Amino acid sequence: MQTTKSYALTAITHPSTPGMGRLFQATIGDFMDNLAGYAKVGLIQTILDVIVVSVFPVMMQLAMSFFFLLYGIPGYIASDMAHTSGVSSELIGFAVRTLVVLYCGSVGLSCVAFLAGLRALIAPVTAGLSRAIAQHQRGEGGIEFNGVFRTVTQDLIPVVVVTAIVSSIILIGAAFCYLPGVVATGLLSFAPSLVFLHRRSSWDAVRTSVRYAIANPAFSVVFACVVAGVSMLAPCVPVFGGAFVLALRVRAFREVFGDSPSL
């Protein structure tokens, strides 16, 4: 049996790069043959998405209010004092612009932190869903609720950490006109699954995913674009859209890195 280190080197030196068409077709075929099981996945995924969508605006509103108190009110007071004391308009403008930049930057970083944090909090359930889907795709039974939630505490810390890292990097990249976000997605696509399914450490998973993507840029770019496109369309198909994205991710990971639970 290969060790974790030797397997990682083999996967990069002699990579498995499945054809995207075959991968997509196989996922669709399995999905259509097991709609009941994937409906359970989609239902859980929808509940997680609703939690994120419901909590995030509240957290952002609190952050905006906090940073307005931190930068906005002192800015108004300083501007008024500057006017009454005869300070030049150029200096006032510079101070106001600085405070606006600080406010926008703080809110933006809060946005990334909150979204990444929420994704990290629900990551144990996502990991359980991935494990249940992988078990089903291996032919080891259908997808059941108890199978999903039985493993949510497995490797809890690495699961949360790798999700926070990957989500933060992709969100920051997406903020710069999407292209850096797609690049980050290509580099880090397999990092969460390496923790979820092969029980790797969070740092080792990130490093292995990046090394694989660099060694196999064509597949990584195509896969990232396909996942990004399908993810944007997924909300148009309630319940089943999110389940299909996760099924595609799991199948792609299995095609590339295999199924050995010791890795």
Foldseek 3Di string as FASTA:
>chain_A
DDAPVVLLVCCLVVWQQDDPVVLLVVLVVVCVVFVVQLLVVLVVVVVLVVVLVVVLVVQLVVQLVVLCVVQVVVLVVVLVVCVVVVNDPVVNVVSVVVSVVVSVVSSLVSSLQSNLQSCLVCQLLLLLSLVQLLCVVVVNDGRDPCSSPVRSCPPSVQSSVLSSVLSSQLSVLCVPVHPRNLVSCLQLLCLNVCCSQQVDGNVVSSVSSNSNCVSPVVSSSVVSVVLVVLVVCLVVPRSNSVSSSSSSSSSSNCSTSNRDNND
